[in-house]
Amino acid sequence: MAAGSTMSSGIFAQTGLRYCSPSIVQGQGAGTAAALAAKNDISPKKVNIKVLQENLRDQGARVTVKDLSEEAMAPYHAIKELSLLAGKPELYDEIAKY
């Protein structure tokens, strides 16, 4: 398992992934998945993603954009409303799908 700069994303998401916080939360996810795999004596590939997500939520993690408050999402809604995406609404849709 790996965490850090090992992810693939679109150009809009990539701008926010250059900071330390994404690497920290990836480490939390990888560590939790490893612990679940060890606890259940299974390969990390066989960890149930829903169980992993619930464990992370129990730890206080926000697993998807749907876990964020409207207040936290306000800047993204403002970007969409102000058309700051250079006429490319599909970039905003990249955020919304998670």
N, C-alpha and C. Protein backbone atom coordinates (compact mmCIF):
# COMPACT_ATOMS: atom_id res chain seq x y z
N MET A 1 0.86 -1.18 0.00
CA MET A 1 0.00 0.00 0.00
C MET A 1 0.90 1.23 0.00
N ALA A 2 0.35 2.29 -0.56
CA ALA A 2 1.12 3.53 -0.65
C ALA A 2 0.21 4.71 -0.38
N ALA A 3 0.82 5.79 0.05
CA ALA A 3 0.08 7.04 0.27
C ALA A 3 1.01 8.19 -0.10
N GLY A 4 0.43 9.32 -0.39
CA GLY A 4 1.24 10.47 -0.76
C GLY A 4 0.90 10.89 -2.17
N SER A 5 1.90 11.18 -2.96
CA SER A 5 1.69 11.65 -4.33
C SER A 5 1.52 10.49 -5.29
N THR A 6 0.62 9.59 -4.97
CA THR A 6 0.43 8.39 -5.78
C THR A 6 -0.93 8.36 -6.45
N MET A 7 -1.58 9.51 -6.53
CA MET A 7 -2.95 9.51 -7.05
C MET A 7 -3.04 10.12 -8.43
N SER A 8 -4.11 9.77 -9.08
CA SER A 8 -4.42 10.32 -10.40
C SER A 8 -5.66 11.19 -10.25
N SER A 9 -5.67 12.33 -10.92
CA SER A 9 -6.84 13.20 -10.85
C SER A 9 -6.86 14.12 -12.05
N GLY A 10 -7.96 14.82 -12.20
CA GLY A 10 -8.08 15.81 -13.24
C GLY A 10 -7.31 17.07 -12.87
N ILE A 11 -7.19 17.96 -13.82
CA ILE A 11 -6.37 19.16 -13.62
C ILE A 11 -6.90 20.06 -12.50
N PHE A 12 -8.22 20.17 -12.37
CA PHE A 12 -8.79 21.02 -11.33
C PHE A 12 -8.49 20.47 -9.94
N ALA A 13 -8.70 19.18 -9.76
CA ALA A 13 -8.44 18.55 -8.46
C ALA A 13 -6.95 18.58 -8.15
N GLN A 14 -6.10 18.43 -9.15
CA GLN A 14 -4.65 18.37 -8.94
C GLN A 14 -4.12 19.64 -8.28
N THR A 15 -4.74 20.79 -8.55
CA THR A 15 -4.24 22.03 -7.96
C THR A 15 -4.32 22.01 -6.44
N GLY A 16 -5.29 21.32 -5.89
CA GLY A 16 -5.42 21.25 -4.43
C GLY A 16 -4.69 20.08 -3.81
N LEU A 17 -4.14 19.21 -4.64
CA LEU A 17 -3.50 18.00 -4.11
C LEU A 17 -2.00 18.16 -3.93
N ARG A 18 -1.49 19.35 -4.16
CA ARG A 18 -0.05 19.57 -4.04
C ARG A 18 0.38 19.89 -2.61
N TYR A 19 -0.54 19.89 -1.71
CA TYR A 19 -0.25 20.25 -0.33
C TYR A 19 -0.09 19.01 0.54
N CYS A 20 0.34 19.18 1.78
CA CYS A 20 0.58 18.05 2.68
C CYS A 20 -0.69 17.36 3.15
N SER A 21 -1.75 18.10 3.32
CA SER A 21 -2.99 17.52 3.87
C SER A 21 -3.49 16.30 3.11
N PRO A 22 -3.51 16.33 1.76
CA PRO A 22 -3.96 15.13 1.06
C PRO A 22 -3.08 13.91 1.36
N SER A 23 -1.79 14.13 1.50
CA SER A 23 -0.90 13.01 1.82
C SER A 23 -1.18 12.47 3.21
N ILE A 24 -1.49 13.34 4.14
CA ILE A 24 -1.79 12.93 5.51
C ILE A 24 -3.05 12.08 5.54
N VAL A 25 -4.09 12.53 4.86
CA VAL A 25 -5.34 11.77 4.89
C VAL A 25 -5.22 10.46 4.11
N GLN A 26 -4.40 10.45 3.06
CA GLN A 26 -4.15 9.20 2.36
C GLN A 26 -3.45 8.21 3.29
N GLY A 27 -2.54 8.71 4.09
CA GLY A 27 -1.87 7.86 5.07
C GLY A 27 -2.84 7.28 6.07
N GLN A 28 -3.80 8.09 6.50
CA GLN A 28 -4.83 7.61 7.43
C GLN A 28 -5.64 6.50 6.77
N GLY A 29 -6.01 6.70 5.53
CA GLY A 29 -6.79 5.69 4.81
C GLY A 29 -5.99 4.41 4.59
N ALA A 30 -4.75 4.54 4.18
CA ALA A 30 -3.90 3.36 3.94
C ALA A 30 -3.64 2.62 5.25
N GLY A 31 -3.38 3.36 6.32
CA GLY A 31 -3.13 2.72 7.61
C GLY A 31 -4.36 2.01 8.14
N THR A 32 -5.52 2.62 7.98
CA THR A 32 -6.76 2.00 8.43
C THR A 32 -7.06 0.75 7.61
N ALA A 33 -6.84 0.83 6.30
CA ALA A 33 -7.05 -0.34 5.44
C ALA A 33 -6.10 -1.47 5.83
N ALA A 34 -4.85 -1.13 6.12
CA ALA A 34 -3.87 -2.15 6.52
C ALA A 34 -4.28 -2.80 7.84
N ALA A 35 -4.77 -1.99 8.77
CA ALA A 35 -5.21 -2.52 10.06
C ALA A 35 -6.41 -3.46 9.89
N LEU A 36 -7.36 -3.07 9.03
CA LEU A 36 -8.51 -3.93 8.78
C LEU A 36 -8.09 -5.24 8.11
N ALA A 37 -7.16 -5.15 7.19
CA ALA A 37 -6.67 -6.36 6.51
C ALA A 37 -5.99 -7.29 7.52
N ALA A 38 -5.15 -6.73 8.37
CA ALA A 38 -4.45 -7.55 9.37
C ALA A 38 -5.44 -8.16 10.37
N LYS A 39 -6.39 -7.34 10.82
CA LYS A 39 -7.39 -7.80 11.79
C LYS A 39 -8.22 -8.96 11.23
N ASN A 40 -8.52 -8.90 9.93
CA ASN A 40 -9.36 -9.92 9.30
C ASN A 40 -8.56 -10.98 8.55
N ASP A 41 -7.22 -10.89 8.65
CA ASP A 41 -6.32 -11.85 8.00
C ASP A 41 -6.63 -12.01 6.51
N ILE A 42 -6.74 -10.85 5.84
CA ILE A 42 -7.01 -10.84 4.40
C ILE A 42 -6.02 -9.91 3.72
N SER A 43 -5.97 -9.98 2.41
CA SER A 43 -5.16 -9.08 1.61
C SER A 43 -5.79 -7.68 1.65
N PRO A 44 -4.98 -6.63 1.62
CA PRO A 44 -5.57 -5.28 1.57
C PRO A 44 -6.52 -5.09 0.39
N LYS A 45 -6.30 -5.81 -0.70
CA LYS A 45 -7.19 -5.71 -1.86
C LYS A 45 -8.59 -6.22 -1.54
N LYS A 46 -8.71 -7.06 -0.52
CA LYS A 46 -10.01 -7.66 -0.19
C LYS A 46 -10.74 -6.91 0.92
N VAL A 47 -10.18 -5.81 1.38
CA VAL A 47 -10.87 -5.01 2.41
C VAL A 47 -12.13 -4.43 1.79
N ASN A 48 -13.23 -4.56 2.49
CA ASN A 48 -14.51 -4.03 2.03
C ASN A 48 -14.45 -2.50 2.12
N ILE A 49 -14.61 -1.84 0.97
CA ILE A 49 -14.48 -0.38 0.92
C ILE A 49 -15.51 0.32 1.80
N LYS A 50 -16.72 -0.22 1.89
CA LYS A 50 -17.75 0.40 2.73
C LYS A 50 -17.36 0.31 4.21
N VAL A 51 -16.78 -0.81 4.61
CA VAL A 51 -16.30 -0.97 6.00
C VAL A 51 -15.16 0.00 6.26
N LEU A 52 -14.25 0.12 5.30
CA LEU A 52 -13.15 1.07 5.43
C LEU A 52 -13.67 2.49 5.57
N GLN A 53 -14.61 2.87 4.72
CA GLN A 53 -15.17 4.22 4.79
C GLN A 53 -15.85 4.48 6.13
N GLU A 54 -16.59 3.52 6.63
CA GLU A 54 -17.26 3.70 7.93
C GLU A 54 -16.23 3.82 9.06
N ASN A 55 -15.15 3.05 9.00
CA ASN A 55 -14.09 3.17 9.99
C ASN A 55 -13.47 4.55 9.95
N LEU A 56 -13.23 5.06 8.76
CA LEU A 56 -12.65 6.40 8.63
C LEU A 56 -13.61 7.46 9.14
N ARG A 57 -14.90 7.31 8.84
CA ARG A 57 -15.89 8.27 9.36
C ARG A 57 -15.93 8.22 10.88
N ASP A 58 -15.83 7.01 11.45
CA ASP A 58 -15.81 6.87 12.92
C ASP A 58 -14.61 7.59 13.52
N GLN A 59 -13.53 7.71 12.74
CA GLN A 59 -12.33 8.42 13.19
C GLN A 59 -12.45 9.93 12.96
N GLY A 60 -13.55 10.34 12.35
CA GLY A 60 -13.76 11.77 12.12
C GLY A 60 -13.37 12.23 10.72
N ALA A 61 -13.00 11.29 9.86
CA ALA A 61 -12.61 11.66 8.50
C ALA A 61 -13.83 11.96 7.65
N ARG A 62 -13.64 12.82 6.69
CA ARG A 62 -14.66 13.09 5.69
C ARG A 62 -14.25 12.30 4.45
N VAL A 63 -15.03 11.31 4.12
CA VAL A 63 -14.65 10.36 3.09
C VAL A 63 -14.97 10.86 1.68
N THR A 64 -16.07 11.56 1.52
CA THR A 64 -16.45 12.08 0.20
C THR A 64 -16.90 13.53 0.34
N VAL A 65 -17.05 14.18 -0.78
CA VAL A 65 -17.54 15.56 -0.78
C VAL A 65 -18.92 15.62 -0.13
N LYS A 66 -19.66 14.54 -0.25
CA LYS A 66 -21.00 14.49 0.34
C LYS A 66 -20.95 14.59 1.86
N ASP A 67 -19.78 14.34 2.46
CA ASP A 67 -19.62 14.45 3.91
C ASP A 67 -19.35 15.89 4.35
N LEU A 68 -19.15 16.79 3.41
CA LEU A 68 -18.82 18.17 3.74
C LEU A 68 -20.08 19.00 3.95
N SER A 69 -19.96 19.99 4.81
CA SER A 69 -21.09 20.89 5.07
C SER A 69 -21.28 21.84 3.89
N GLU A 70 -22.44 22.43 3.84
CA GLU A 70 -22.71 23.44 2.80
C GLU A 70 -21.73 24.60 2.93
N GLU A 71 -21.37 24.92 4.16
CA GLU A 71 -20.42 26.01 4.39
C GLU A 71 -19.07 25.70 3.75
N ALA A 72 -18.61 24.47 3.90
CA ALA A 72 -17.33 24.08 3.31
C ALA A 72 -17.40 24.05 1.79
N MET A 73 -18.57 23.76 1.25
CA MET A 73 -18.73 23.69 -0.20
C MET A 73 -19.01 25.04 -0.84
N ALA A 74 -19.28 26.07 -0.03
CA ALA A 74 -19.63 27.39 -0.55
C ALA A 74 -18.63 27.93 -1.57
N PRO A 75 -17.32 27.84 -1.32
CA PRO A 75 -16.39 28.36 -2.33
C PRO A 75 -16.52 27.66 -3.68
N TYR A 76 -16.77 26.36 -3.68
CA TYR A 76 -16.92 25.63 -4.94
C TYR A 76 -18.19 26.05 -5.67
N HIS A 77 -19.26 26.30 -4.91
CA HIS A 77 -20.50 26.78 -5.52
C HIS A 77 -20.28 28.17 -6.10
N ALA A 78 -19.52 29.00 -5.39
CA ALA A 78 -19.23 30.36 -5.88
C ALA A 78 -18.43 30.30 -7.17
N ILE A 79 -17.47 29.40 -7.24
CA ILE A 79 -16.68 29.25 -8.47
C ILE A 79 -17.60 28.91 -9.63
N LYS A 80 -18.51 27.99 -9.39
CA LYS A 80 -19.44 27.60 -10.46
C LYS A 80 -20.30 28.78 -10.88
N GLU A 81 -20.85 29.48 -9.90
CA GLU A 81 -21.75 30.60 -10.20
C GLU A 81 -21.03 31.74 -10.91
N LEU A 82 -19.79 31.99 -10.59
CA LEU A 82 -19.05 33.09 -11.20
C LEU A 82 -18.38 32.71 -12.51
N SER A 83 -18.55 31.46 -12.90
CA SER A 83 -17.98 30.97 -14.16
C SER A 83 -16.47 31.19 -14.22
N LEU A 84 -15.80 30.95 -13.10
CA LEU A 84 -14.35 31.12 -13.06
C LEU A 84 -13.61 29.92 -13.66
N LEU A 85 -14.34 28.99 -14.18
CA LEU A 85 -13.70 27.81 -14.74
C LEU A 85 -13.46 27.93 -16.24
N ALA A 86 -13.33 29.15 -16.68
CA ALA A 86 -13.00 29.43 -18.08
C ALA A 86 -13.95 28.75 -19.06
N GLY A 87 -15.22 28.75 -18.69
CA GLY A 87 -16.20 28.18 -19.59
C GLY A 87 -16.17 26.66 -19.66
N LYS A 88 -15.62 26.02 -18.61
CA LYS A 88 -15.54 24.56 -18.60
C LYS A 88 -16.24 24.00 -17.37
N PRO A 89 -17.57 23.93 -17.38
CA PRO A 89 -18.31 23.45 -16.21
C PRO A 89 -17.98 22.01 -15.85
N GLU A 90 -17.43 21.24 -16.79
CA GLU A 90 -17.08 19.86 -16.48
C GLU A 90 -15.99 19.78 -15.40
N LEU A 91 -15.20 20.83 -15.24
CA LEU A 91 -14.20 20.84 -14.18
C LEU A 91 -14.86 20.90 -12.81
N TYR A 92 -15.92 21.68 -12.68
CA TYR A 92 -16.67 21.71 -11.43
C TYR A 92 -17.32 20.36 -11.17
N ASP A 93 -17.82 19.73 -12.23
CA ASP A 93 -18.46 18.43 -12.09
C ASP A 93 -17.50 17.38 -11.54
N GLU A 94 -16.21 17.58 -11.77
CA GLU A 94 -15.21 16.65 -11.22
C GLU A 94 -15.28 16.62 -9.71
N ILE A 95 -15.49 17.77 -9.08
CA ILE A 95 -15.62 17.83 -7.62
C ILE A 95 -16.89 17.15 -7.18
N ALA A 96 -17.99 17.46 -7.84
CA ALA A 96 -19.30 17.00 -7.41
C ALA A 96 -19.47 15.49 -7.46
N LYS A 97 -18.73 14.81 -8.32
CA LYS A 97 -18.93 13.36 -8.45
C LYS A 97 -18.40 12.57 -7.28
N TYR A 98 -17.58 13.16 -6.45
CA TYR A 98 -17.04 12.46 -5.30
C TYR A 98 -17.89 12.69 -4.09
